[in-house]
Protein backbone atom coordinates (compact mmCIF):
# COMPACT_ATOMS: atom_id res chain seq x y z
CA MET A 1 12.44 -84.94 38.89
CA ASN A 2 12.78 -85.24 35.11
CA VAL A 3 12.40 -88.90 33.80
CA LEU A 4 12.95 -90.43 30.32
CA VAL A 5 10.70 -93.54 29.53
CA ARG A 6 11.75 -95.53 26.55
CA GLU A 7 9.04 -98.40 26.07
CA ASP A 8 7.81 -99.66 22.73
CA ASP A 9 4.59 -100.75 23.83
CA PRO A 10 2.34 -97.83 23.81
CA ALA A 11 -0.12 -99.19 26.55
CA ALA A 12 2.95 -99.94 28.88
CA ARG A 13 4.36 -96.56 28.30
CA PHE A 14 1.17 -94.83 29.03
CA VAL A 15 0.98 -96.65 32.37
CA ILE A 16 4.50 -96.02 33.41
CA LYS A 17 4.18 -92.29 32.26
CA ARG A 18 0.85 -91.80 34.22
CA TRP A 19 2.10 -93.41 37.41
CA LEU A 20 5.39 -91.48 37.34
CA SER A 21 3.78 -88.17 36.83
CA THR A 22 0.68 -88.77 38.90
CA THR A 23 2.00 -90.57 41.93
CA LEU A 24 5.67 -89.34 42.11
CA GLY A 25 5.04 -86.13 40.43
CA CYS A 26 7.61 -86.57 37.81
CA ASN A 27 7.99 -84.50 34.62
CA VAL A 28 8.27 -87.47 31.91
CA THR A 29 9.16 -87.40 28.61
CA ASP A 30 8.54 -90.71 26.67
CA CYS A 31 9.68 -92.26 23.44
CA GLU A 32 9.38 -95.63 21.60
CA ASP A 33 12.87 -96.46 20.56
CA GLY A 34 16.43 -96.27 21.85
CA VAL A 35 17.65 -93.91 18.93
CA LYS A 36 15.09 -91.33 19.95
CA ALA A 37 16.09 -91.79 23.73
CA LEU A 38 19.89 -91.06 22.87
CA GLU A 39 18.70 -87.96 20.96
CA LEU A 40 16.73 -86.85 24.05
CA LEU A 41 19.40 -87.52 26.26
CA SER A 42 22.02 -85.55 24.13
CA GLU A 43 19.51 -82.36 24.18
CA ARG A 44 18.76 -82.18 28.10
CA PRO A 45 19.57 -83.74 31.38
CA PHE A 46 17.24 -86.43 33.01
CA ASP A 47 17.52 -87.41 36.60
CA LEU A 48 16.29 -91.20 35.81
CA ALA A 49 15.95 -93.17 32.58
CA VAL A 50 13.51 -96.11 32.53
CA LEU A 51 14.46 -98.34 29.68
CA ASP A 52 12.90 -101.42 28.05
CA LEU A 53 15.64 -103.96 27.87
CA ASP A 54 14.53 -106.36 25.06
CA VAL A 55 13.26 -104.34 21.92
CA PRO A 56 14.26 -103.96 18.43
CA ARG A 57 16.60 -101.23 17.36
CA LEU A 58 18.74 -100.24 20.13
CA GLY A 59 17.43 -101.91 23.38
CA GLY A 60 17.87 -100.54 26.83
CA VAL A 61 21.40 -102.30 27.43
CA GLU A 62 22.66 -100.60 24.37
CA VAL A 63 21.16 -97.29 25.25
CA VAL A 64 23.09 -97.54 28.69
CA GLU A 65 26.37 -98.70 26.91
CA ALA A 66 25.99 -95.57 24.77
CA ILE A 67 25.68 -93.32 27.58
CA ARG A 68 28.46 -94.80 29.44
CA GLY A 69 30.62 -94.44 26.41
CA SER A 70 29.77 -90.76 26.07
CA ASP A 71 31.50 -89.75 29.29
């Protein structure tokens, strides 16, 4: 399973990425902001996106709205 993790806190991003890859065997791509998340989503498909909701510069809700609007 290919997973995108979008989290601005480096420690939280590390824990989430490690857990997904070690425990569930996921291939994880991570980034720290929503703009980069949208770039990655446009480059290749992901089975799951884990998005931080309350962050500066394009939070999780805005990323989901952009994904829905691109269909």
